[in-house]
């Protein structure tokens, strides 16, 4: 692992130094005792990239199944799984848009390790087109006016279906939209009662995507600011 990787995963310099020394000591011990070879370690470094098919399988399997494959202790994996399940972050779409990591995992070292893995996987997904920057709240909308007009005309259910999330998540959200009569964008953009989405985290992420889309609609003159009541 490079120095930059260590800095990203473990920001605290004192703790990072201790961790690196422990890692190097363990690696030397494994090599000296013939438990692993330099070739094995080298192969581990050069074979981290996965094919698009493998990444799609990870995406389809969901967050919890992915956590189970990490080379962590069962105790650590179970701790991560409990936190993610309780926060309804079992779909990569919501995981990659989540930001309140300090609330979910207060211990900085454990939080940084997980977010490092999450960020690395997110970049792999984007490079393989399993996930796109359009799925991220933090990325600006790059669609043309013509594309945005089509989204507006097709309605909110079709818009939800554009996102790279599991079919289960799409179905749950579309059922809410349909049952509330929010298939028209003007209805959903003017809604104020968002308790219809039980999960606070999912609600927050969808609302931020809607706010970003509303701004794009207005800036491209697809809707007028007066069309939005609130």
C-alpha atoms as a PDB file:
ATOM      1  CA  UNK A   1       0.000   0.000   0.000  1.00  0.00           C
ATOM      2  CA  UNK A   2       1.321   3.457  -0.911  1.00  0.00           C
ATOM      3  CA  UNK A   3       1.934   6.303   1.530  1.00  0.00           C
ATOM      4  CA  UNK A   4      -1.031   8.128   0.034  1.00  0.00           C
ATOM      5  CA  UNK A   5      -3.277   5.113   0.652  1.00  0.00           C
ATOM      6  CA  UNK A   6      -2.182   4.981   4.294  1.00  0.00           C
ATOM      7  CA  UNK A   7      -2.827   8.712   4.718  1.00  0.00           C
ATOM      8  CA  UNK A   8      -6.329   8.365   3.276  1.00  0.00           C
ATOM      9  CA  UNK A   9      -7.226   5.343   5.367  1.00  0.00           C
ATOM     10  CA  UNK A  10      -5.648   6.534   8.630  1.00  0.00           C
ATOM     11  CA  UNK A  11      -5.486  10.363   8.784  1.00  0.00           C
ATOM     12  CA  UNK A  12      -4.072  10.527  12.326  1.00  0.00           C
ATOM     13  CA  UNK A  13      -0.238  10.570  11.834  1.00  0.00           C
ATOM     14  CA  UNK A  14       0.612   9.045  15.214  1.00  0.00           C
ATOM     15  CA  UNK A  15      -1.823   6.145  14.855  1.00  0.00           C
ATOM     16  CA  UNK A  16      -0.818   5.713  11.202  1.00  0.00           C
ATOM     17  CA  UNK A  17       2.853   5.426  12.147  1.00  0.00           C
ATOM     18  CA  UNK A  18       2.109   2.762  14.751  1.00  0.00           C
ATOM     19  CA  UNK A  19      -0.094   0.848  12.313  1.00  0.00           C
ATOM     20  CA  UNK A  20       2.505   0.933   9.514  1.00  0.00           C
ATOM     21  CA  UNK A  21       5.247  -0.319  11.867  1.00  0.00           C
ATOM     22  CA  UNK A  22       2.987  -3.152  13.054  1.00  0.00           C
ATOM     23  CA  UNK A  23       2.144  -4.024   9.455  1.00  0.00           C
ATOM     24  CA  UNK A  24       5.807  -4.074   8.362  1.00  0.00           C
ATOM     25  CA  UNK A  25       6.761  -6.192  11.401  1.00  0.00           C
ATOM     26  CA  UNK A  26       4.000  -8.698  10.651  1.00  0.00           C
ATOM     27  CA  UNK A  27       4.932  -8.828   6.959  1.00  0.00           C
ATOM     28  CA  UNK A  28       8.610  -9.455   7.804  1.00  0.00           C
ATOM     29  CA  UNK A  29       7.624 -12.183  10.258  1.00  0.00           C
ATOM     30  CA  UNK A  30       5.453 -13.914   7.650  1.00  0.00           C
ATOM     31  CA  UNK A  31       8.245 -13.738   5.068  1.00  0.00           C
ATOM     32  CA  UNK A  32      10.977 -14.904   7.478  1.00  0.00           C
ATOM     33  CA  UNK A  33       8.899 -17.894   8.553  1.00  0.00           C
ATOM     34  CA  UNK A  34       8.038 -18.882   5.004  1.00  0.00           C
ATOM     35  CA  UNK A  35       4.298 -18.388   5.523  1.00  0.00           C
ATOM     36  CA  UNK A  36       4.097 -16.134   2.452  1.00  0.00           C
ATOM     37  CA  UNK A  37       6.537 -15.306  -0.317  1.00  0.00           C
ATOM     38  CA  UNK A  38       7.484 -12.019  -1.961  1.00  0.00           C
ATOM     39  CA  UNK A  39       5.751 -13.271  -5.114  1.00  0.00           C
ATOM     40  CA  UNK A  40       2.489 -13.784  -3.260  1.00  0.00           C
ATOM     41  CA  UNK A  41       2.674 -10.270  -1.837  1.00  0.00           C
ATOM     42  CA  UNK A  42       3.506  -8.868  -5.255  1.00  0.00           C
ATOM     43  CA  UNK A  43       0.620 -10.759  -6.869  1.00  0.00           C
ATOM     44  CA  UNK A  44      -1.740  -9.341  -4.251  1.00  0.00           C
ATOM     45  CA  UNK A  45      -0.692  -5.825  -5.206  1.00  0.00           C
ATOM     46  CA  UNK A  46      -0.969  -6.302  -8.965  1.00  0.00           C
ATOM     47  CA  UNK A  47      -4.216  -8.277  -9.017  1.00  0.00           C
ATOM     48  CA  UNK A  48      -6.480  -5.853  -7.184  1.00  0.00           C
ATOM     49  CA  UNK A  49      -8.337  -4.776 -10.332  1.00  0.00           C
ATOM     50  CA  UNK A  50     -11.510  -6.712 -11.038  1.00  0.00           C
ATOM     51  CA  UNK A  51     -13.314  -7.265 -14.304  1.00  0.00           C
ATOM     52  CA  UNK A  52     -16.571  -5.512 -15.059  1.00  0.00           C
ATOM     53  CA  UNK A  53     -18.406  -8.825 -14.668  1.00  0.00           C
ATOM     54  CA  UNK A  54     -16.894  -9.341 -11.199  1.00  0.00           C
ATOM     55  CA  UNK A  55     -17.751  -5.781 -10.175  1.00  0.00           C
ATOM     56  CA  UNK A  56     -21.312  -6.162 -11.459  1.00  0.00           C
ATOM     57  CA  UNK A  57     -21.657  -9.322  -9.383  1.00  0.00           C
ATOM     58  CA  UNK A  58     -20.468  -7.430  -6.302  1.00  0.00           C
ATOM     59  CA  UNK A  59     -22.962  -4.660  -7.038  1.00  0.00           C
ATOM     60  CA  UNK A  60     -25.812  -7.114  -7.520  1.00  0.00           C
ATOM     61  CA  UNK A  61     -24.888  -8.951  -4.327  1.00  0.00           C
ATOM     62  CA  UNK A  62     -25.283  -5.802  -2.258  1.00  0.00           C
ATOM     63  CA  UNK A  63     -23.345  -4.070   0.480  1.00  0.00           C
ATOM     64  CA  UNK A  64     -23.669  -6.719   3.195  1.00  0.00           C
ATOM     65  CA  UNK A  65     -22.421  -9.530   0.987  1.00  0.00           C
ATOM     66  CA  UNK A  66     -19.468  -7.341  -0.043  1.00  0.00           C
ATOM     67  CA  UNK A  67     -18.610  -6.574   3.593  1.00  0.00           C
ATOM     68  CA  UNK A  68     -18.501 -10.326   4.272  1.00  0.00           C
ATOM     69  CA  UNK A  69     -15.748 -10.734   1.645  1.00  0.00           C
ATOM     70  CA  UNK A  70     -13.384  -8.202   3.250  1.00  0.00           C
ATOM     71  CA  UNK A  71     -10.286  -9.636   4.943  1.00  0.00           C
ATOM     72  CA  UNK A  72     -11.381  -8.507   8.376  1.00  0.00           C
ATOM     73  CA  UNK A  73     -12.172 -10.353  11.576  1.00  0.00           C
ATOM     74  CA  UNK A  74     -15.726 -11.627  11.999  1.00  0.00           C
ATOM     75  CA  UNK A  75     -16.125  -9.210  14.893  1.00  0.00           C
ATOM     76  CA  UNK A  76     -15.218  -6.193  12.731  1.00  0.00           C
ATOM     77  CA  UNK A  77     -17.385  -7.353   9.839  1.00  0.00           C
ATOM     78  CA  UNK A  78     -20.346  -7.902  12.150  1.00  0.00           C
ATOM     79  CA  UNK A  79     -19.889  -4.436  13.638  1.00  0.00           C
ATOM     80  CA  UNK A  80     -19.908  -2.858  10.177  1.00  0.00           C
ATOM     81  CA  UNK A  81     -22.901  -4.945   9.096  1.00  0.00           C
ATOM     82  CA  UNK A  82     -24.954  -4.004  12.163  1.00  0.00           C
ATOM     83  CA  UNK A  83     -24.293  -0.299  11.591  1.00  0.00           C
ATOM     84  CA  UNK A  84     -25.078  -0.409   7.874  1.00  0.00           C
ATOM     85  CA  UNK A  85     -28.222  -2.499   8.276  1.00  0.00           C
ATOM     86  CA  UNK A  86     -29.580  -0.281  11.055  1.00  0.00           C
ATOM     87  CA  UNK A  87     -29.062   2.764   8.802  1.00  0.00           C
ATOM     88  CA  UNK A  88     -30.606   1.074   5.738  1.00  0.00           C
ATOM     89  CA  UNK A  89     -27.347   1.376   3.791  1.00  0.00           C
ATOM     90  CA  UNK A  90     -27.501  -2.044   2.151  1.00  0.00           C
ATOM     91  CA  UNK A  91     -27.730  -0.668  -1.409  1.00  0.00           C
ATOM     92  CA  UNK A  92     -24.500   0.705  -2.944  1.00  0.00           C
ATOM     93  CA  UNK A  93     -26.402   3.711  -4.337  1.00  0.00           C
ATOM     94  CA  UNK A  94     -27.205   4.898  -0.824  1.00  0.00           C
ATOM     95  CA  UNK A  95     -23.853   3.809   0.613  1.00  0.00           C
ATOM     96  CA  UNK A  96     -21.898   5.873  -1.931  1.00  0.00           C
ATOM     97  CA  UNK A  97     -24.063   8.944  -1.253  1.00  0.00           C
ATOM     98  CA  UNK A  98     -23.856   8.644   2.531  1.00  0.00           C
ATOM     99  CA  UNK A  99     -21.784  11.258   4.385  1.00  0.00           C
ATOM    100  CA  UNK A 100     -22.569  10.977   8.112  1.00  0.00           C
ATOM    101  CA  UNK A 101     -19.876   8.386   8.783  1.00  0.00           C
ATOM    102  CA  UNK A 102     -18.768   9.961  12.052  1.00  0.00           C
ATOM    103  CA  UNK A 103     -22.259   9.413  13.466  1.00  0.00           C
ATOM    104  CA  UNK A 104     -22.515   5.834  12.251  1.00  0.00           C
ATOM    105  CA  UNK A 105     -19.015   4.736  13.345  1.00  0.00           C
ATOM    106  CA  UNK A 106     -17.634   7.032  16.089  1.00  0.00           C
ATOM    107  CA  UNK A 107     -14.243   5.266  16.326  1.00  0.00           C
ATOM    108  CA  UNK A 108     -12.095   7.102  13.786  1.00  0.00           C
ATOM    109  CA  UNK A 109      -9.724   4.270  12.871  1.00  0.00           C
ATOM    110  CA  UNK A 110     -12.537   1.802  12.099  1.00  0.00           C
ATOM    111  CA  UNK A 111     -14.477   4.487  10.255  1.00  0.00           C
ATOM    112  CA  UNK A 112     -11.503   5.440   8.086  1.00  0.00           C
ATOM    113  CA  UNK A 113     -10.753   1.842   7.128  1.00  0.00           C
ATOM    114  CA  UNK A 114     -14.332   1.264   5.966  1.00  0.00           C
ATOM    115  CA  UNK A 115     -14.648   4.563   4.099  1.00  0.00           C
ATOM    116  CA  UNK A 116     -11.328   3.803   2.402  1.00  0.00           C
ATOM    117  CA  UNK A 117     -12.702   0.488   1.132  1.00  0.00           C
ATOM    118  CA  UNK A 118     -15.968   2.191   0.105  1.00  0.00           C
ATOM    119  CA  UNK A 119     -14.178   4.939  -1.838  1.00  0.00           C
ATOM    120  CA  UNK A 120     -11.924   2.444  -3.613  1.00  0.00           C
ATOM    121  CA  UNK A 121     -14.874   0.275  -4.650  1.00  0.00           C
ATOM    122  CA  UNK A 122     -16.865   3.306  -5.786  1.00  0.00           C
ATOM    123  CA  UNK A 123     -14.053   4.373  -8.116  1.00  0.00           C
ATOM    124  CA  UNK A 124     -13.803   0.823  -9.506  1.00  0.00           C
ATOM    125  CA  UNK A 125     -17.558   0.782 -10.125  1.00  0.00           C
ATOM    126  CA  UNK A 126     -17.417   4.141 -11.928  1.00  0.00           C
ATOM    127  CA  UNK A 127     -14.462   3.106 -14.084  1.00  0.00           C
ATOM    128  CA  UNK A 128     -16.312  -0.064 -15.092  1.00  0.00           C
ATOM    129  CA  UNK A 129     -19.612   1.840 -15.665  1.00  0.00           C
ATOM    130  CA  UNK A 130     -21.345  -0.271 -13.024  1.00  0.00           C
ATOM    131  CA  UNK A 131     -22.048   3.041 -11.297  1.00  0.00           C
ATOM    132  CA  UNK A 132     -21.881   6.592 -12.698  1.00  0.00           C
ATOM    133  CA  UNK A 133     -21.081  10.058 -11.421  1.00  0.00           C
ATOM    134  CA  UNK A 134     -24.705  10.997 -12.189  1.00  0.00           C
ATOM    135  CA  UNK A 135     -25.656   8.716  -9.283  1.00  0.00           C
ATOM    136  CA  UNK A 136     -23.681  10.900  -6.867  1.00  0.00           C
ATOM    137  CA  UNK A 137     -25.176  13.887  -5.092  1.00  0.00           C
ATOM    138  CA  UNK A 138     -21.758  15.528  -5.018  1.00  0.00           C
ATOM    139  CA  UNK A 139     -21.465  15.558  -8.828  1.00  0.00           C
ATOM    140  CA  UNK A 140     -23.107  18.293 -10.919  1.00  0.00           C
ATOM    141  CA  UNK A 141     -25.767  17.306 -13.461  1.00  0.00           C
ATOM    142  CA  UNK A 142     -24.107  17.186 -16.880  1.00  0.00           C
ATOM    143  CA  UNK A 143     -27.160  16.273 -18.968  1.00  0.00           C
ATOM    144  CA  UNK A 144     -28.217  18.512 -21.846  1.00  0.00           C
ATOM    145  CA  UNK A 145     -31.478  20.446 -21.887  1.00  0.00           C
ATOM    146  CA  UNK A 146     -32.937  17.882 -24.289  1.00  0.00           C
ATOM    147  CA  UNK A 147     -32.085  15.044 -21.900  1.00  0.00           C
ATOM    148  CA  UNK A 148     -33.552  16.941 -18.954  1.00  0.00           C
ATOM    149  CA  UNK A 149     -36.747  17.681 -20.895  1.00  0.00           C
ATOM    150  CA  UNK A 150     -37.108  13.967 -21.601  1.00  0.00           C
ATOM    151  CA  UNK A 151     -36.611  13.163 -17.889  1.00  0.00           C
ATOM    152  CA  UNK A 152     -39.237  15.739 -16.946  1.00  0.00           C
ATOM    153  CA  UNK A 153     -41.749  14.456 -19.474  1.00  0.00           C
ATOM    154  CA  UNK A 154     -41.226  10.799 -18.519  1.00  0.00           C
ATOM    155  CA  UNK A 155     -41.959  11.523 -14.852  1.00  0.00           C
ATOM    156  CA  UNK A 156     -40.490  10.654 -11.497  1.00  0.00           C
ATOM    157  CA  UNK A 157     -40.798   6.870 -11.679  1.00  0.00           C
ATOM    158  CA  UNK A 158     -38.778   6.778 -14.907  1.00  0.00           C
ATOM    159  CA  UNK A 159     -36.262   9.141 -13.259  1.00  0.00           C
ATOM    160  CA  UNK A 160     -35.788   6.805 -10.294  1.00  0.00           C
ATOM    161  CA  UNK A 161     -35.246   3.936 -12.716  1.00  0.00           C
ATOM    162  CA  UNK A 162     -32.272   5.777 -14.255  1.00  0.00           C
ATOM    163  CA  UNK A 163     -30.267   5.420 -11.052  1.00  0.00           C
ATOM    164  CA  UNK A 164     -27.883   2.541 -10.454  1.00  0.00           C
ATOM    165  CA  UNK A 165     -29.584   1.025  -7.432  1.00  0.00           C
ATOM    166  CA  UNK A 166     -31.001  -2.432  -6.819  1.00  0.00           C
ATOM    167  CA  UNK A 167     -34.345  -3.375  -8.333  1.00  0.00           C
ATOM    168  CA  UNK A 168     -35.648  -3.800  -4.786  1.00  0.00           C
ATOM    169  CA  UNK A 169     -34.803  -0.193  -3.917  1.00  0.00           C
ATOM    170  CA  UNK A 170     -36.341   1.094  -7.151  1.00  0.00           C
ATOM    171  CA  UNK A 171     -39.523  -0.880  -6.505  1.00  0.00           C
ATOM    172  CA  UNK A 172     -39.815   0.404  -2.923  1.00  0.00           C
ATOM    173  CA  UNK A 173     -39.366   4.032  -3.997  1.00  0.00           C
ATOM    174  CA  UNK A 174     -41.637   3.700  -7.023  1.00  0.00           C
ATOM    175  CA  UNK A 175     -44.376   2.175  -4.866  1.00  0.00           C
ATOM    176  CA  UNK A 176     -44.194   5.213  -2.574  1.00  0.00           C
ATOM    177  CA  UNK A 177     -44.254   7.608  -5.521  1.00  0.00           C
ATOM    178  CA  UNK A 178     -47.196   5.801  -7.133  1.00  0.00           C
ATOM    179  CA  UNK A 179     -49.225   5.486  -3.934  1.00  0.00           C
ATOM    180  CA  UNK A 180     -48.798   9.205  -3.182  1.00  0.00           C
ATOM    181  CA  UNK A 181     -49.567  10.287  -6.754  1.00  0.00           C
ATOM    182  CA  UNK A 182     -46.136  11.835  -7.194  1.00  0.00           C
ATOM    183  CA  UNK A 183     -45.491  10.546 -10.718  1.00  0.00           C
ATOM    184  CA  UNK A 184     -45.624  14.182 -11.932  1.00  0.00           C
ATOM    185  CA  UNK A 185     -42.497  16.191 -11.069  1.00  0.00           C
ATOM    186  CA  UNK A 186     -44.449  19.268  -9.985  1.00  0.00           C
ATOM    187  CA  UNK A 187     -46.168  17.243  -7.292  1.00  0.00           C
ATOM    188  CA  UNK A 188     -43.000  15.710  -5.891  1.00  0.00           C
ATOM    189  CA  UNK A 189     -41.002  18.945  -6.128  1.00  0.00           C
ATOM    190  CA  UNK A 190     -43.669  20.724  -4.092  1.00  0.00           C
ATOM    191  CA  UNK A 191     -44.089  18.005  -1.488  1.00  0.00           C
ATOM    192  CA  UNK A 192     -43.180  18.857   2.111  1.00  0.00           C
ATOM    193  CA  UNK A 193     -44.175  15.690   3.975  1.00  0.00           C
ATOM    194  CA  UNK A 194     -41.275  13.320   3.458  1.00  0.00           C
ATOM    195  CA  UNK A 195     -42.087  10.964   6.312  1.00  0.00           C
ATOM    196  CA  UNK A 196     -43.479   8.782   3.520  1.00  0.00           C
ATOM    197  CA  UNK A 197     -39.884   7.521   3.199  1.00  0.00           C
ATOM    198  CA  UNK A 198     -39.276   5.905   6.628  1.00  0.00           C
ATOM    199  CA  UNK A 199     -35.469   5.803   6.507  1.00  0.00           C
ATOM    200  CA  UNK A 200     -33.893   9.157   7.386  1.00  0.00           C
ATOM    201  CA  UNK A 201     -30.769   8.379   5.348  1.00  0.00           C
ATOM    202  CA  UNK A 202     -32.620   7.266   2.215  1.00  0.00           C
ATOM    203  CA  UNK A 203     -34.986  10.229   2.522  1.00  0.00           C
ATOM    204  CA  UNK A 204     -32.089  12.681   2.795  1.00  0.00           C
ATOM    205  CA  UNK A 205     -30.292  11.257  -0.238  1.00  0.00           C
ATOM    206  CA  UNK A 206     -33.403  11.264  -2.459  1.00  0.00           C
ATOM    207  CA  UNK A 207     -34.257  14.819  -1.379  1.00  0.00           C
ATOM    208  CA  UNK A 208     -30.760  16.038  -2.245  1.00  0.00           C
ATOM    209  CA  UNK A 209     -30.996  14.428  -5.677  1.00  0.00           C
ATOM    210  CA  UNK A 210     -34.416  16.064  -6.173  1.00  0.00           C
ATOM    211  CA  UNK A 211     -33.071  19.456  -5.143  1.00  0.00           C
ATOM    212  CA  UNK A 212     -30.212  19.115  -7.608  1.00  0.00           C
ATOM    213  CA  UNK A 213     -32.620  18.097 -10.369  1.00  0.00           C
ATOM    214  CA  UNK A 214     -34.997  20.963  -9.547  1.00  0.00           C
ATOM    215  CA  UNK A 215     -32.139  23.454  -9.910  1.00  0.00           C
ATOM    216  CA  UNK A 216     -31.239  21.936 -13.288  1.00  0.00           C
ATOM    217  CA  UNK A 217     -34.855  22.141 -14.462  1.00  0.00           C
ATOM    218  CA  UNK A 218     -35.033  25.811 -13.468  1.00  0.00           C
ATOM    219  CA  UNK A 219     -31.656  26.771 -14.937  1.00  0.00           C
ATOM    220  CA  UNK A 220     -32.640  25.204 -18.288  1.00  0.00           C
ATOM    221  CA  UNK A 221     -36.081  26.897 -18.265  1.00  0.00           C
ATOM    222  CA  UNK A 222     -37.882  23.559 -18.116  1.00  0.00           C
ATOM    223  CA  UNK A 223     -39.856  24.811 -15.139  1.00  0.00           C
ATOM    224  CA  UNK A 224     -40.251  28.312 -13.776  1.00  0.00           C
ATOM    225  CA  UNK A 225     -39.317  29.239 -10.190  1.00  0.00           C
ATOM    226  CA  UNK A 226     -42.979  30.166  -9.743  1.00  0.00           C
ATOM    227  CA  UNK A 227     -43.907  26.513 -10.424  1.00  0.00           C
ATOM    228  CA  UNK A 228     -42.266  25.588  -7.150  1.00  0.00           C
ATOM    229  CA  UNK A 229     -44.380  26.629  -4.193  1.00  0.00           C
ATOM    230  CA  UNK A 230     -41.828  25.861  -1.462  1.00  0.00           C
END
